[in-house]
N, C-alpha and C. Protein backbone atom coordinates (compact mmCIF):
# COMPACT_ATOMS: atom_id res chain seq x y z
N MET A 1 36.35 -82.92 0.55
CA MET A 1 36.91 -81.84 1.33
C MET A 1 37.51 -80.83 0.37
N SER A 2 37.22 -79.57 0.62
CA SER A 2 37.66 -78.50 -0.27
C SER A 2 39.14 -78.18 -0.04
N SER A 3 39.81 -77.80 -1.12
CA SER A 3 41.22 -77.42 -1.00
C SER A 3 41.39 -75.91 -1.09
N ARG A 4 40.28 -75.16 -0.91
CA ARG A 4 40.36 -73.70 -0.94
C ARG A 4 41.19 -73.18 0.22
N PRO A 5 41.87 -72.07 0.04
CA PRO A 5 42.60 -71.47 1.16
C PRO A 5 41.60 -70.98 2.22
N LEU A 6 42.06 -70.92 3.44
CA LEU A 6 41.21 -70.45 4.54
C LEU A 6 40.87 -68.98 4.35
N SER A 7 39.64 -68.63 4.71
CA SER A 7 39.25 -67.22 4.67
C SER A 7 39.99 -66.47 5.77
N LEU A 8 39.98 -65.16 5.71
CA LEU A 8 40.69 -64.34 6.69
C LEU A 8 40.20 -64.62 8.11
N PRO A 9 38.86 -64.69 8.38
CA PRO A 9 38.43 -65.01 9.75
C PRO A 9 38.90 -66.40 10.20
N SER A 10 38.93 -67.37 9.28
CA SER A 10 39.38 -68.71 9.65
C SER A 10 40.86 -68.71 9.97
N ARG A 11 41.65 -68.00 9.17
CA ARG A 11 43.09 -67.91 9.44
C ARG A 11 43.34 -67.23 10.78
N ARG A 12 42.57 -66.22 11.10
CA ARG A 12 42.73 -65.55 12.39
C ARG A 12 42.41 -66.50 13.54
N LEU A 13 41.38 -67.31 13.38
CA LEU A 13 41.02 -68.27 14.42
C LEU A 13 42.13 -69.30 14.62
N VAL A 14 42.68 -69.81 13.52
CA VAL A 14 43.77 -70.78 13.60
C VAL A 14 44.99 -70.14 14.26
N THR A 15 45.31 -68.91 13.88
CA THR A 15 46.44 -68.20 14.47
C THR A 15 46.21 -67.97 15.96
N ALA A 16 45.00 -67.55 16.33
CA ALA A 16 44.69 -67.31 17.74
C ALA A 16 44.82 -68.60 18.55
N ALA A 17 44.38 -69.72 18.00
CA ALA A 17 44.50 -71.00 18.70
C ALA A 17 45.96 -71.37 18.90
N ALA A 18 46.79 -71.15 17.88
CA ALA A 18 48.22 -71.47 18.00
C ALA A 18 48.89 -70.57 19.02
N VAL A 19 48.56 -69.28 19.02
CA VAL A 19 49.15 -68.35 19.98
C VAL A 19 48.72 -68.71 21.40
N THR A 20 47.45 -69.07 21.58
CA THR A 20 46.95 -69.46 22.90
C THR A 20 47.66 -70.71 23.41
N ALA A 21 47.85 -71.69 22.54
CA ALA A 21 48.55 -72.91 22.94
C ALA A 21 50.00 -72.60 23.31
N ALA A 22 50.65 -71.76 22.53
CA ALA A 22 52.04 -71.40 22.83
C ALA A 22 52.13 -70.65 24.15
N ALA A 23 51.17 -69.75 24.40
CA ALA A 23 51.16 -69.00 25.66
C ALA A 23 50.95 -69.94 26.84
N ALA A 24 50.07 -70.92 26.69
CA ALA A 24 49.82 -71.87 27.77
C ALA A 24 51.08 -72.65 28.09
N LEU A 25 51.82 -73.05 27.07
CA LEU A 25 53.06 -73.77 27.29
C LEU A 25 54.10 -72.87 27.94
N THR A 26 54.18 -71.64 27.49
CA THR A 26 55.14 -70.69 28.03
C THR A 26 54.85 -70.36 29.49
N LEU A 27 53.59 -70.29 29.86
CA LEU A 27 53.19 -69.93 31.21
C LEU A 27 53.24 -71.11 32.19
N GLY A 28 53.75 -72.22 31.76
CA GLY A 28 53.87 -73.35 32.67
C GLY A 28 52.62 -74.18 32.77
N LEU A 29 51.73 -74.04 31.83
CA LEU A 29 50.50 -74.81 31.85
C LEU A 29 50.58 -75.98 30.88
N ALA A 30 51.78 -76.44 30.62
CA ALA A 30 51.96 -77.53 29.66
C ALA A 30 51.13 -78.75 30.00
N PRO A 31 51.06 -79.18 31.29
CA PRO A 31 50.21 -80.34 31.56
C PRO A 31 48.75 -80.10 31.20
N VAL A 32 48.27 -78.86 31.39
CA VAL A 32 46.89 -78.56 31.05
C VAL A 32 46.72 -78.53 29.54
N ALA A 33 47.63 -77.86 28.85
CA ALA A 33 47.53 -77.78 27.40
C ALA A 33 47.66 -79.15 26.77
N ALA A 34 48.51 -79.99 27.33
CA ALA A 34 48.71 -81.33 26.78
C ALA A 34 47.45 -82.18 26.89
N GLN A 35 46.61 -81.88 27.86
CA GLN A 35 45.38 -82.64 28.04
C GLN A 35 44.43 -82.47 26.87
N ALA A 36 44.56 -81.37 26.14
CA ALA A 36 43.63 -81.07 25.06
C ALA A 36 43.78 -82.02 23.88
N ALA A 37 44.87 -82.72 23.81
CA ALA A 37 45.08 -83.64 22.69
C ALA A 37 44.26 -84.92 22.88
N ALA A 38 44.03 -85.61 21.81
CA ALA A 38 43.24 -86.85 21.88
C ALA A 38 44.12 -88.05 22.20
N GLN A 39 43.48 -89.05 22.81
CA GLN A 39 44.15 -90.32 23.09
C GLN A 39 44.14 -91.18 21.84
N PRO A 40 44.86 -92.30 21.89
CA PRO A 40 44.80 -93.23 20.75
C PRO A 40 43.36 -93.65 20.48
N GLY A 41 43.02 -93.76 19.22
CA GLY A 41 41.67 -94.19 18.85
C GLY A 41 40.70 -93.04 18.81
N GLY A 42 41.15 -91.80 19.03
CA GLY A 42 40.27 -90.65 18.94
C GLY A 42 39.50 -90.36 20.20
N ALA A 43 39.67 -91.11 21.25
CA ALA A 43 38.94 -90.85 22.49
C ALA A 43 39.48 -89.58 23.13
N ALA A 44 38.62 -88.88 23.85
CA ALA A 44 39.05 -87.67 24.55
C ALA A 44 40.07 -88.03 25.61
N ALA A 45 40.94 -87.08 25.96
CA ALA A 45 41.99 -87.32 26.95
C ALA A 45 41.37 -87.43 28.33
N ALA A 46 40.92 -88.61 28.69
CA ALA A 46 40.20 -88.78 29.94
C ALA A 46 40.94 -89.68 30.92
N ALA A 47 41.93 -90.40 30.48
CA ALA A 47 42.58 -91.36 31.37
C ALA A 47 43.76 -90.73 32.09
N THR A 48 43.78 -90.92 33.39
CA THR A 48 44.97 -90.55 34.16
C THR A 48 45.29 -91.74 35.05
N THR A 49 46.55 -91.99 35.22
CA THR A 49 46.97 -93.08 36.08
C THR A 49 48.16 -92.61 36.90
N ASP A 50 48.33 -93.20 38.07
CA ASP A 50 49.51 -92.91 38.87
C ASP A 50 50.68 -93.64 38.26
N THR A 51 51.72 -92.91 37.89
CA THR A 51 52.90 -93.50 37.29
C THR A 51 54.13 -92.78 37.82
N PRO A 52 55.01 -93.48 38.53
CA PRO A 52 56.20 -92.80 39.02
C PRO A 52 57.17 -92.47 37.90
N THR A 53 57.80 -91.30 38.01
CA THR A 53 58.86 -90.90 37.08
C THR A 53 59.99 -90.32 37.91
N SER A 54 61.05 -89.89 37.25
CA SER A 54 62.18 -89.34 37.97
C SER A 54 62.06 -87.83 38.21
N THR A 55 60.94 -87.22 37.83
CA THR A 55 60.73 -85.80 38.03
C THR A 55 60.58 -85.50 39.53
N PRO A 56 61.33 -84.52 40.06
CA PRO A 56 61.21 -84.20 41.48
C PRO A 56 59.84 -83.62 41.82
N ASN A 57 59.37 -83.91 43.01
CA ASN A 57 58.07 -83.46 43.48
C ASN A 57 58.11 -81.96 43.77
N PRO A 58 57.40 -81.12 43.00
CA PRO A 58 57.44 -79.68 43.24
C PRO A 58 56.66 -79.26 44.48
N PHE A 59 55.92 -80.18 45.08
CA PHE A 59 55.14 -79.88 46.27
C PHE A 59 55.79 -80.42 47.54
N ALA A 60 57.01 -80.94 47.44
CA ALA A 60 57.67 -81.59 48.57
C ALA A 60 57.88 -80.66 49.75
N TRP A 61 58.05 -79.38 49.53
CA TRP A 61 58.33 -78.41 50.58
C TRP A 61 57.08 -77.92 51.28
N ALA A 62 55.89 -78.34 50.84
CA ALA A 62 54.63 -77.89 51.43
C ALA A 62 54.11 -78.92 52.44
N GLU A 63 53.57 -78.43 53.54
CA GLU A 63 52.90 -79.30 54.51
C GLU A 63 51.45 -79.44 54.04
N LEU A 64 51.04 -80.66 53.78
CA LEU A 64 49.72 -80.93 53.22
C LEU A 64 48.79 -81.52 54.26
N ASP A 65 47.58 -81.01 54.34
CA ASP A 65 46.55 -81.54 55.22
C ASP A 65 45.29 -81.75 54.39
N GLY A 66 44.91 -83.00 54.18
CA GLY A 66 43.77 -83.32 53.35
C GLY A 66 44.12 -83.44 51.87
N LEU A 67 45.36 -83.19 51.54
CA LEU A 67 45.85 -83.29 50.17
C LEU A 67 46.97 -84.30 50.10
N ARG A 68 47.21 -84.82 48.91
CA ARG A 68 48.38 -85.67 48.69
C ARG A 68 48.99 -85.31 47.35
N ALA A 69 50.31 -85.37 47.30
CA ALA A 69 51.03 -85.15 46.05
C ALA A 69 51.19 -86.49 45.37
N ARG A 70 50.88 -86.54 44.10
CA ARG A 70 51.04 -87.78 43.35
C ARG A 70 51.39 -87.47 41.92
N GLN A 71 52.05 -88.41 41.30
CA GLN A 71 52.35 -88.28 39.88
C GLN A 71 51.23 -88.93 39.09
N VAL A 72 50.77 -88.21 38.10
CA VAL A 72 49.72 -88.74 37.23
C VAL A 72 50.24 -88.77 35.80
N THR A 73 49.71 -89.68 35.03
CA THR A 73 50.05 -89.78 33.62
C THR A 73 48.80 -89.53 32.82
N THR A 74 48.90 -88.62 31.88
CA THR A 74 47.82 -88.36 30.94
C THR A 74 48.36 -88.63 29.55
N TRP A 75 47.47 -88.62 28.58
CA TRP A 75 47.88 -88.99 27.23
C TRP A 75 47.80 -87.81 26.30
N HIS A 76 48.88 -87.57 25.58
CA HIS A 76 48.98 -86.46 24.64
C HIS A 76 49.39 -87.03 23.28
N GLY A 77 48.49 -87.00 22.35
CA GLY A 77 48.80 -87.53 21.02
C GLY A 77 49.24 -88.97 21.04
N GLY A 78 48.68 -89.76 21.95
CA GLY A 78 49.02 -91.16 22.04
C GLY A 78 50.27 -91.45 22.87
N GLN A 79 50.90 -90.40 23.39
CA GLN A 79 52.11 -90.57 24.18
C GLN A 79 51.83 -90.19 25.64
N PRO A 80 52.41 -90.92 26.60
CA PRO A 80 52.18 -90.60 28.01
C PRO A 80 52.92 -89.32 28.42
N LEU A 81 52.28 -88.53 29.26
CA LEU A 81 52.87 -87.32 29.82
C LEU A 81 52.67 -87.39 31.33
N SER A 82 53.76 -87.52 32.08
CA SER A 82 53.66 -87.62 33.54
C SER A 82 53.97 -86.28 34.18
N HIS A 83 53.21 -85.94 35.21
CA HIS A 83 53.42 -84.71 35.94
C HIS A 83 52.89 -84.85 37.36
N TRP A 84 53.31 -83.96 38.24
CA TRP A 84 52.88 -83.98 39.63
C TRP A 84 51.59 -83.18 39.80
N ALA A 85 50.75 -83.61 40.73
CA ALA A 85 49.51 -82.93 41.03
C ALA A 85 49.17 -83.11 42.51
N LEU A 86 48.42 -82.16 43.05
CA LEU A 86 47.84 -82.32 44.38
C LEU A 86 46.39 -82.72 44.19
N THR A 87 45.98 -83.76 44.90
CA THR A 87 44.59 -84.19 44.89
C THR A 87 44.14 -84.37 46.33
N LEU A 88 42.85 -84.41 46.55
CA LEU A 88 42.36 -84.69 47.90
C LEU A 88 42.75 -86.10 48.29
N ASP A 89 43.12 -86.30 49.55
CA ASP A 89 43.43 -87.66 49.99
C ASP A 89 42.12 -88.45 50.07
N GLU A 90 42.24 -89.76 50.23
CA GLU A 90 41.07 -90.63 50.17
C GLU A 90 40.02 -90.28 51.21
N ALA A 91 40.43 -90.02 52.45
CA ALA A 91 39.47 -89.72 53.52
C ALA A 91 38.73 -88.41 53.24
N THR A 92 39.44 -87.40 52.77
CA THR A 92 38.81 -86.11 52.49
C THR A 92 37.88 -86.21 51.29
N ALA A 93 38.28 -86.92 50.27
CA ALA A 93 37.45 -87.07 49.08
C ALA A 93 36.20 -87.89 49.37
N ALA A 94 36.24 -88.78 50.35
CA ALA A 94 35.11 -89.65 50.66
C ALA A 94 34.03 -88.96 51.48
N ARG A 95 34.31 -87.79 52.05
CA ARG A 95 33.30 -87.08 52.84
C ARG A 95 32.13 -86.65 51.95
N SER A 96 31.01 -86.35 52.60
CA SER A 96 29.82 -85.91 51.88
C SER A 96 29.88 -84.39 51.65
N TYR A 97 29.63 -83.98 50.42
CA TYR A 97 29.64 -82.58 50.06
C TYR A 97 28.36 -82.26 49.29
N THR A 98 27.57 -81.31 49.79
CA THR A 98 26.35 -80.91 49.10
C THR A 98 26.17 -79.40 49.22
N GLY A 99 25.64 -78.80 48.17
CA GLY A 99 25.28 -77.39 48.21
C GLY A 99 26.36 -76.40 47.86
N GLY A 100 27.42 -76.81 47.24
CA GLY A 100 28.48 -75.87 46.89
C GLY A 100 29.39 -76.42 45.83
N VAL A 101 30.55 -75.76 45.68
CA VAL A 101 31.59 -76.19 44.75
C VAL A 101 32.93 -76.06 45.45
N PHE A 102 33.92 -76.75 44.92
CA PHE A 102 35.29 -76.65 45.44
C PHE A 102 35.99 -75.52 44.71
N PHE A 103 36.80 -74.75 45.44
CA PHE A 103 37.63 -73.72 44.82
C PHE A 103 38.92 -73.58 45.61
N LEU A 104 39.95 -73.08 44.95
CA LEU A 104 41.28 -72.93 45.53
C LEU A 104 41.45 -71.47 45.95
N TYR A 105 41.83 -71.25 47.21
CA TYR A 105 41.82 -69.91 47.78
C TYR A 105 43.05 -69.68 48.65
N ALA A 106 43.67 -68.51 48.49
CA ALA A 106 44.79 -68.10 49.33
C ALA A 106 44.25 -67.03 50.29
N PRO A 107 44.00 -67.38 51.56
CA PRO A 107 43.33 -66.44 52.47
C PRO A 107 44.12 -65.17 52.77
N ALA A 108 45.43 -65.21 52.72
CA ALA A 108 46.21 -64.01 53.04
C ALA A 108 46.03 -62.91 52.00
N THR A 109 45.82 -63.29 50.76
CA THR A 109 45.73 -62.31 49.67
C THR A 109 44.37 -62.28 48.99
N GLY A 110 43.56 -63.33 49.17
CA GLY A 110 42.29 -63.43 48.48
C GLY A 110 42.43 -63.94 47.05
N ASP A 111 43.65 -64.35 46.67
CA ASP A 111 43.88 -64.88 45.32
C ASP A 111 43.18 -66.21 45.14
N ARG A 112 42.81 -66.49 43.90
CA ARG A 112 42.16 -67.76 43.55
C ARG A 112 43.08 -68.55 42.63
N GLY A 113 43.10 -69.85 42.83
CA GLY A 113 43.85 -70.73 41.96
C GLY A 113 42.92 -71.48 41.04
N LEU A 114 43.52 -72.35 40.23
CA LEU A 114 42.75 -73.11 39.25
C LEU A 114 42.98 -74.60 39.44
N PHE A 115 41.96 -75.37 39.11
CA PHE A 115 42.05 -76.82 39.07
C PHE A 115 42.23 -77.25 37.63
N ARG A 116 42.90 -78.39 37.44
CA ARG A 116 42.97 -79.01 36.12
C ARG A 116 41.96 -80.15 36.15
N ASN A 117 40.96 -80.05 35.30
CA ASN A 117 39.93 -81.07 35.22
C ASN A 117 40.01 -81.72 33.85
N LEU A 118 40.73 -82.84 33.76
CA LEU A 118 41.02 -83.52 32.50
C LEU A 118 41.70 -82.55 31.55
N ASP A 119 41.03 -82.12 30.50
CA ASP A 119 41.69 -81.23 29.54
C ASP A 119 41.29 -79.77 29.70
N LEU A 120 40.66 -79.44 30.82
CA LEU A 120 40.21 -78.08 31.05
C LEU A 120 40.84 -77.49 32.30
N VAL A 121 40.92 -76.18 32.35
CA VAL A 121 41.31 -75.47 33.56
C VAL A 121 40.05 -74.84 34.09
N SER A 122 39.81 -75.00 35.39
CA SER A 122 38.56 -74.54 35.96
C SER A 122 38.79 -73.88 37.32
N ALA A 123 38.06 -72.81 37.58
CA ALA A 123 38.16 -72.14 38.88
C ALA A 123 37.40 -72.92 39.96
N THR A 124 36.40 -73.68 39.57
CA THR A 124 35.61 -74.48 40.51
C THR A 124 35.34 -75.86 39.93
N VAL A 125 35.14 -76.82 40.80
CA VAL A 125 34.71 -78.16 40.40
C VAL A 125 33.66 -78.64 41.39
N LYS A 126 32.81 -79.53 40.96
CA LYS A 126 31.72 -80.00 41.82
C LYS A 126 32.06 -81.29 42.56
N ASP A 127 32.86 -82.14 41.95
CA ASP A 127 33.14 -83.46 42.50
C ASP A 127 34.50 -83.46 43.19
N PRO A 128 34.62 -84.05 44.39
CA PRO A 128 35.91 -84.06 45.08
C PRO A 128 37.02 -84.76 44.30
N ARG A 129 36.66 -85.69 43.41
CA ARG A 129 37.67 -86.37 42.59
C ARG A 129 38.22 -85.47 41.50
N GLN A 130 37.58 -84.32 41.27
CA GLN A 130 38.05 -83.38 40.26
C GLN A 130 39.02 -82.34 40.84
N VAL A 131 39.22 -82.36 42.15
CA VAL A 131 40.16 -81.42 42.78
C VAL A 131 41.57 -81.87 42.43
N THR A 132 42.16 -81.21 41.45
CA THR A 132 43.50 -81.54 40.97
C THR A 132 44.24 -80.23 40.75
N VAL A 133 45.29 -80.02 41.52
CA VAL A 133 46.09 -78.79 41.43
C VAL A 133 47.43 -79.15 40.81
N THR A 134 47.74 -78.55 39.67
CA THR A 134 49.02 -78.79 39.02
C THR A 134 49.91 -77.55 39.02
N ASP A 135 49.38 -76.42 39.47
CA ASP A 135 50.11 -75.15 39.46
C ASP A 135 50.96 -75.00 40.71
N ALA A 136 52.16 -75.57 40.68
CA ALA A 136 53.07 -75.49 41.82
C ALA A 136 53.48 -74.05 42.10
N GLN A 137 53.52 -73.21 41.08
CA GLN A 137 53.89 -71.80 41.28
C GLN A 137 52.86 -71.09 42.16
N PHE A 138 51.58 -71.37 41.97
CA PHE A 138 50.54 -70.76 42.81
C PHE A 138 50.70 -71.22 44.25
N ILE A 139 50.92 -72.51 44.45
CA ILE A 139 51.10 -73.05 45.80
C ILE A 139 52.35 -72.44 46.43
N ARG A 140 53.42 -72.35 45.68
CA ARG A 140 54.70 -71.84 46.19
C ARG A 140 54.63 -70.35 46.52
N SER A 141 53.80 -69.58 45.84
CA SER A 141 53.77 -68.13 46.01
C SER A 141 52.86 -67.66 47.15
N HIS A 142 52.22 -68.58 47.85
CA HIS A 142 51.35 -68.21 48.97
C HIS A 142 51.71 -69.06 50.19
N PRO A 143 51.81 -68.44 51.37
CA PRO A 143 52.16 -69.23 52.56
C PRO A 143 51.11 -70.28 52.92
N ARG A 144 49.86 -70.01 52.60
CA ARG A 144 48.79 -70.97 52.87
C ARG A 144 47.79 -70.92 51.71
N VAL A 145 47.48 -72.09 51.19
CA VAL A 145 46.47 -72.22 50.15
C VAL A 145 45.46 -73.23 50.65
N GLU A 146 44.19 -72.93 50.46
CA GLU A 146 43.13 -73.80 50.96
C GLU A 146 42.22 -74.26 49.83
N VAL A 147 41.81 -75.50 49.90
CA VAL A 147 40.72 -75.98 49.07
C VAL A 147 39.49 -75.76 49.92
N ARG A 148 38.57 -74.96 49.42
CA ARG A 148 37.35 -74.66 50.16
C ARG A 148 36.14 -75.20 49.41
N TYR A 149 35.07 -75.43 50.19
CA TYR A 149 33.83 -75.93 49.61
C TYR A 149 32.70 -75.01 50.04
N GLY A 150 31.97 -74.50 49.08
CA GLY A 150 30.86 -73.60 49.36
C GLY A 150 30.64 -72.67 48.20
N ASP A 151 30.31 -71.42 48.52
CA ASP A 151 30.05 -70.40 47.51
C ASP A 151 31.31 -69.58 47.29
N PRO A 152 31.91 -69.62 46.10
CA PRO A 152 33.13 -68.85 45.85
C PRO A 152 32.93 -67.34 46.00
N ALA A 153 31.70 -66.86 45.89
CA ALA A 153 31.44 -65.44 46.06
C ALA A 153 31.54 -65.02 47.53
N GLN A 154 31.49 -66.00 48.44
CA GLN A 154 31.61 -65.74 49.87
C GLN A 154 32.65 -66.70 50.47
N PRO A 155 33.93 -66.50 50.12
CA PRO A 155 34.95 -67.46 50.55
C PRO A 155 35.11 -67.55 52.07
N GLU A 156 34.85 -66.46 52.78
CA GLU A 156 34.98 -66.50 54.23
C GLU A 156 33.94 -67.40 54.89
N ARG A 157 32.86 -67.70 54.21
CA ARG A 157 31.82 -68.57 54.75
C ARG A 157 31.95 -70.02 54.27
N ALA A 158 32.84 -70.25 53.31
CA ALA A 158 33.03 -71.60 52.76
C ALA A 158 33.84 -72.45 53.72
N ARG A 159 33.59 -73.75 53.66
CA ARG A 159 34.28 -74.71 54.53
C ARG A 159 35.68 -75.02 54.00
N VAL A 160 36.67 -74.96 54.88
CA VAL A 160 38.04 -75.34 54.52
C VAL A 160 38.11 -76.86 54.52
N VAL A 161 38.44 -77.44 53.38
CA VAL A 161 38.47 -78.88 53.19
C VAL A 161 39.88 -79.43 53.31
N ALA A 162 40.86 -78.71 52.75
CA ALA A 162 42.24 -79.16 52.74
C ALA A 162 43.16 -77.94 52.64
N THR A 163 44.41 -78.11 53.09
CA THR A 163 45.34 -76.98 53.07
C THR A 163 46.74 -77.41 52.61
N SER A 164 47.45 -76.42 52.08
CA SER A 164 48.86 -76.53 51.78
C SER A 164 49.52 -75.35 52.47
N THR A 165 50.49 -75.63 53.35
CA THR A 165 51.13 -74.58 54.12
C THR A 165 52.63 -74.62 53.90
N ILE A 166 53.21 -73.43 53.71
CA ILE A 166 54.66 -73.30 53.60
C ILE A 166 55.12 -72.52 54.83
N TRP A 167 55.96 -73.12 55.64
CA TRP A 167 56.46 -72.45 56.84
C TRP A 167 57.69 -71.63 56.45
N MET A 168 57.63 -70.36 56.70
CA MET A 168 58.72 -69.46 56.30
C MET A 168 59.58 -69.09 57.48
């Protein structure tokens, strides 16, 4: 391995990666950013387990239909990181889904949310087990948020699978 200093483009790439990681942490995406780290033994951060902690449920004030709030544990640098997430409940996840993708939609404003899929943030997911919402701020900032299945380009025609409602 060479001990040469990094070239200017390489230093810029390293700096950009550090700034992006810091921004993700600052913007409240710490659970997502933490997923990017490797598990013990070099395996990708793929394991999540339900693990109770003393952290208050940020989704407690929302009425959930087809969703459930649960604490999940992921691994960051070999250390457990527990956080709250919304996932589809068992009955909703077990339904048959063909011909579309899942996406998070706020019908009052047309805003779109993001799913956390292991170590990635994604606007859409194909598998119902990948529907994982960790952005409590997005849920809190809209009176109704829906998980829809279909074509994201035509949200009004997509099927409403699950909802989070805040009664004001």
